[in-house]
Amino acid sequence: MFKFGHPEFLYCLLAVVLFAGLFVLNGFLRKKNLRKFGQKSLVSLLMPDVARWRRNLKFILLMFAYISLIIALSDPEVGSKLDKVKRKGIELVIALDVSNSMMAEDVYPNRLEAAKMAVEKLVDKLSNDKIGLIIFAGDAFVQLPITADYVSAKMFLESISTTSISLQGTDISKAIETGIRSFSSESEKNKVLVIISDGENHEEGVNEMAAEAAKKGIIIHTIGMGQPQGAPIPVYGKFGKKDFKTDKQGTIIITKTNDALLQQIASAGGGVYVRATNLLTVLNEIFNRISKINQKEIESQMFSDYEHQYQYFIALSILLLLVEFMLIERKNRHFRNFNLFKKRVL
């Protein structure tokens, strides 16, 4: 298995595009200036030692040296020992509502950000479990397939926003359907789906879909984000001016948590519903429920030893820099007129 110890350095590779653009621009300006001196054939006679292809080759060597150095800084590692590990755990899928109503601020700082913080803390409490992420609004998508990589789960969680899905609305039944497909085909007694939403469902059949999940051995817990009295949905103008979403008549829309629906979903799914009035309390309640589940033994293959490979890329970078340094742009005047295949006149 291959991985990077410091993948954040890979963003520096984007600079290659900038360097290439500057090189092309410099070549264009150089040609433009040379045309001021006269025709191309005449300029070539005046500068017989210039080898334009060498300038291009030197740039290519520099770019590959830069790329190799960035890869070295990213600390590439290769798994050298593969072990089979047996561990007990559950499969947990988080379905997170990313509809516009989740921007309401009746939970600090808003419903969506509070939900993301709650999920992050829940991930910190997990061990020997697998986790997956689903986002939903008018549609539902798998943001992160089932994995034991908690670091990746947090990274994918951080990138979630209300713009992650273009089709707005709230279709919880679609989220449950996607969640059912997300679990592995292994034993059906260790799967948990946690739905985090304000419960403003715009589609039908959600309770039936929750019951279908329960038949497949999937326990559904629901977390309600927001307050029963509701709150307006903030919108921001081009210059950051804050306003609130209105209906066609110009009345400010108030989004309210649908406790009744979320309770019905949890009941149909054999789980529990809690409202996020206190994130710590909600977190502990859900985690305690998850901990009581019959955990099964899962066998997985994991790399136990990794070997660093950065030294090879550093060596390659140095070699490319040496070749670039030794390669001069001008032709060697001693060999300029040398032609091995030129006919000799006797």
Foldseek 3Di string as FASTA:
>chain_A
DKDFPACVLVVVLVCLVVLVVVVVVVVVVVVVVLVVVDDPVVVCVVAVFFDVVLVVVLSVLLSLLVNLLSSLVRFMKDFDDKDKDKDWEFEEEEEEEAALLQQFCLDPPGNLVLVLVLVLVLLVPDDRYWYWYWYDFPAIDTQGATDPPSVVVNVSSVPDHSVPDPDHHHAVLRSLVVQLVRDDPPDLQRAEYEYEELARHDDDDLLVSLLVSLVSNYQYEYEHGHAQVFGFRWDADPVRDIDTDDDPVRHTDGDGRDQPNNQSSNVSRVHYYYYVPDSVVVSVVVVVVSVPGDIDMDIDMDRPDMDTDSVVSNVSSVVSNVVSVPRDRTHDPVCSPPDPPDDDDD
